[in-house]
Amino acid sequence: MSTDRDMYGAVEEEIRARKQGNSYILTTTKGTIGKITYTLVDVDTWVIDHTYVDGEYRGRDLGKQLLGFVVDEAREKGRKIIPSCS
């Protein structure tokens, strides 16, 4: 992810994504702002059991990006995903 300027030239903060165990975490200088976690049901199946984006950062498709990280990893490894978080 990157640091961008908004339409008025103000610098927007950098959001970093990293994998941590069976999760992906989004952080800024303020700390963790988003997270998605999954558990292994069996060798071929993962269950996405938690997704969270801090209210201040909602509406920026960050949850969708987190989901994309898990989906990409599952595809690489030939796994199926069952969504169970609400």
C-alpha atoms as a PDB file:
ATOM      1  CA  MET A   1       0.000   0.000   0.000  1.00  0.00           C
ATOM      2  CA  SER A   2       1.225   3.529  -0.422  1.00  0.00           C
ATOM      3  CA  THR A   3       1.168   7.104   0.739  1.00  0.00           C
ATOM      4  CA  ASP A   4      -1.009   9.242  -1.528  1.00  0.00           C
ATOM      5  CA  ARG A   5      -2.117  12.821  -1.753  1.00  0.00           C
ATOM      6  CA  ASP A   6      -5.779  13.688  -1.704  1.00  0.00           C
ATOM      7  CA  MET A   7      -7.336  16.077  -4.213  1.00  0.00           C
ATOM      8  CA  TYR A   8      -6.205  19.052  -2.126  1.00  0.00           C
ATOM      9  CA  GLY A   9      -2.580  17.928  -1.972  1.00  0.00           C
ATOM     10  CA  ALA A  10      -2.656  16.801   1.663  1.00  0.00           C
ATOM     11  CA  VAL A  11      -0.661  13.664   2.362  1.00  0.00           C
ATOM     12  CA  GLU A  12      -2.753  10.665   3.365  1.00  0.00           C
ATOM     13  CA  GLU A  13      -1.203   8.264   5.840  1.00  0.00           C
ATOM     14  CA  GLU A  14       0.455   5.077   4.690  1.00  0.00           C
ATOM     15  CA  ILE A  15      -1.400   1.835   5.333  1.00  0.00           C
ATOM     16  CA  ARG A  16       0.728  -1.298   5.518  1.00  0.00           C
ATOM     17  CA  ALA A  17      -0.490  -4.870   5.123  1.00  0.00           C
ATOM     18  CA  ARG A  18       1.289  -7.882   6.581  1.00  0.00           C
ATOM     19  CA  LYS A  19       0.615 -11.548   7.118  1.00  0.00           C
ATOM     20  CA  GLN A  20       0.706 -12.760  10.700  1.00  0.00           C
ATOM     21  CA  GLY A  21       0.000 -16.462  11.244  1.00  0.00           C
ATOM     22  CA  ASN A  22      -3.497 -17.192   9.959  1.00  0.00           C
ATOM     23  CA  SER A  23      -4.370 -13.534   9.554  1.00  0.00           C
ATOM     24  CA  TYR A  24      -3.631 -10.364   7.643  1.00  0.00           C
ATOM     25  CA  ILE A  25      -3.225  -7.105   9.529  1.00  0.00           C
ATOM     26  CA  LEU A  26      -3.490  -3.505   8.298  1.00  0.00           C
ATOM     27  CA  THR A  27      -1.500  -0.923  10.249  1.00  0.00           C
ATOM     28  CA  THR A  28      -0.702   2.771  10.195  1.00  0.00           C
ATOM     29  CA  THR A  29       1.371   4.900  12.518  1.00  0.00           C
ATOM     30  CA  LYS A  30      -1.702   4.838  14.803  1.00  0.00           C
ATOM     31  CA  GLY A  31      -1.518   1.023  15.127  1.00  0.00           C
ATOM     32  CA  THR A  32      -3.742  -1.781  13.855  1.00  0.00           C
ATOM     33  CA  ILE A  33      -6.681  -0.519  11.815  1.00  0.00           C
ATOM     34  CA  GLY A  34      -7.894  -3.742  10.211  1.00  0.00           C
ATOM     35  CA  LYS A  35      -7.645  -7.498  10.454  1.00  0.00           C
ATOM     36  CA  ILE A  36      -8.958 -10.677   8.872  1.00  0.00           C
ATOM     37  CA  THR A  37      -8.447 -14.120  10.410  1.00  0.00           C
ATOM     38  CA  TYR A  38      -9.047 -17.640   9.246  1.00  0.00           C
ATOM     39  CA  THR A  39      -8.805 -21.126  10.730  1.00  0.00           C
ATOM     40  CA  LEU A  40      -8.009 -24.439   9.088  1.00  0.00           C
ATOM     41  CA  VAL A  41     -10.954 -26.844   9.068  1.00  0.00           C
ATOM     42  CA  ASP A  42      -8.953 -29.542   7.306  1.00  0.00           C
ATOM     43  CA  VAL A  43      -6.002 -29.679   4.924  1.00  0.00           C
ATOM     44  CA  ASP A  44      -8.076 -28.264   2.039  1.00  0.00           C
ATOM     45  CA  THR A  45     -10.492 -25.844   3.730  1.00  0.00           C
ATOM     46  CA  TRP A  46     -10.203 -22.534   5.572  1.00  0.00           C
ATOM     47  CA  VAL A  47     -12.945 -20.707   7.460  1.00  0.00           C
ATOM     48  CA  ILE A  48     -12.789 -16.909   7.527  1.00  0.00           C
ATOM     49  CA  ASP A  49     -13.971 -16.241  11.056  1.00  0.00           C
ATOM     50  CA  HIS A  50     -13.261 -12.571  11.716  1.00  0.00           C
ATOM     51  CA  THR A  51     -12.969  -9.362   9.713  1.00  0.00           C
ATOM     52  CA  TYR A  52     -12.596  -5.905  11.221  1.00  0.00           C
ATOM     53  CA  VAL A  53     -11.815  -2.399   9.950  1.00  0.00           C
ATOM     54  CA  ASP A  54     -11.641   0.545  12.355  1.00  0.00           C
ATOM     55  CA  GLY A  55     -14.597   2.900  11.896  1.00  0.00           C
ATOM     56  CA  GLU A  56     -12.329   5.798  10.939  1.00  0.00           C
ATOM     57  CA  TYR A  57     -11.111   3.805   7.922  1.00  0.00           C
ATOM     58  CA  ARG A  58     -14.364   2.256   6.693  1.00  0.00           C
ATOM     59  CA  GLY A  59     -15.617   3.080   3.224  1.00  0.00           C
ATOM     60  CA  ARG A  60     -12.162   2.686   1.648  1.00  0.00           C
ATOM     61  CA  ASP A  61     -12.562  -0.952   0.543  1.00  0.00           C
ATOM     62  CA  LEU A  62     -10.004  -2.086   3.140  1.00  0.00           C
ATOM     63  CA  GLY A  63     -12.153  -5.070   4.152  1.00  0.00           C
ATOM     64  CA  LYS A  64     -12.332  -6.078   0.511  1.00  0.00           C
ATOM     65  CA  GLN A  65      -8.541  -5.806   0.261  1.00  0.00           C
ATOM     66  CA  LEU A  66      -8.104  -7.977   3.356  1.00  0.00           C
ATOM     67  CA  LEU A  67     -10.422 -10.582   1.859  1.00  0.00           C
ATOM     68  CA  GLY A  68      -8.415 -10.418  -1.357  1.00  0.00           C
ATOM     69  CA  PHE A  69      -5.199 -11.295   0.502  1.00  0.00           C
ATOM     70  CA  VAL A  70      -6.794 -14.448   1.950  1.00  0.00           C
ATOM     71  CA  VAL A  71      -8.421 -15.428  -1.354  1.00  0.00           C
ATOM     72  CA  ASP A  72      -5.122 -15.011  -3.229  1.00  0.00           C
ATOM     73  CA  GLU A  73      -3.276 -17.149  -0.674  1.00  0.00           C
ATOM     74  CA  ALA A  74      -6.005 -19.824  -0.764  1.00  0.00           C
ATOM     75  CA  ARG A  75      -5.859 -19.968  -4.555  1.00  0.00           C
ATOM     76  CA  GLU A  76      -2.068 -20.287  -4.502  1.00  0.00           C
ATOM     77  CA  LYS A  77      -2.357 -23.209  -2.098  1.00  0.00           C
ATOM     78  CA  GLY A  78      -5.426 -24.822  -3.707  1.00  0.00           C
ATOM     79  CA  ARG A  79      -7.647 -24.309  -0.650  1.00  0.00           C
ATOM     80  CA  LYS A  80     -11.403 -23.707  -0.375  1.00  0.00           C
ATOM     81  CA  ILE A  81     -12.797 -20.882   1.759  1.00  0.00           C
ATOM     82  CA  ILE A  82     -15.924 -20.899   3.904  1.00  0.00           C
ATOM     83  CA  PRO A  83     -16.986 -17.437   5.112  1.00  0.00           C
ATOM     84  CA  SER A  84     -18.501 -17.498   8.597  1.00  0.00           C
ATOM     85  CA  CYS A  85     -17.965 -14.008   9.996  1.00  0.00           C
ATOM     86  CA  SER A  86     -20.878 -11.597   9.995  1.00  0.00           C
END
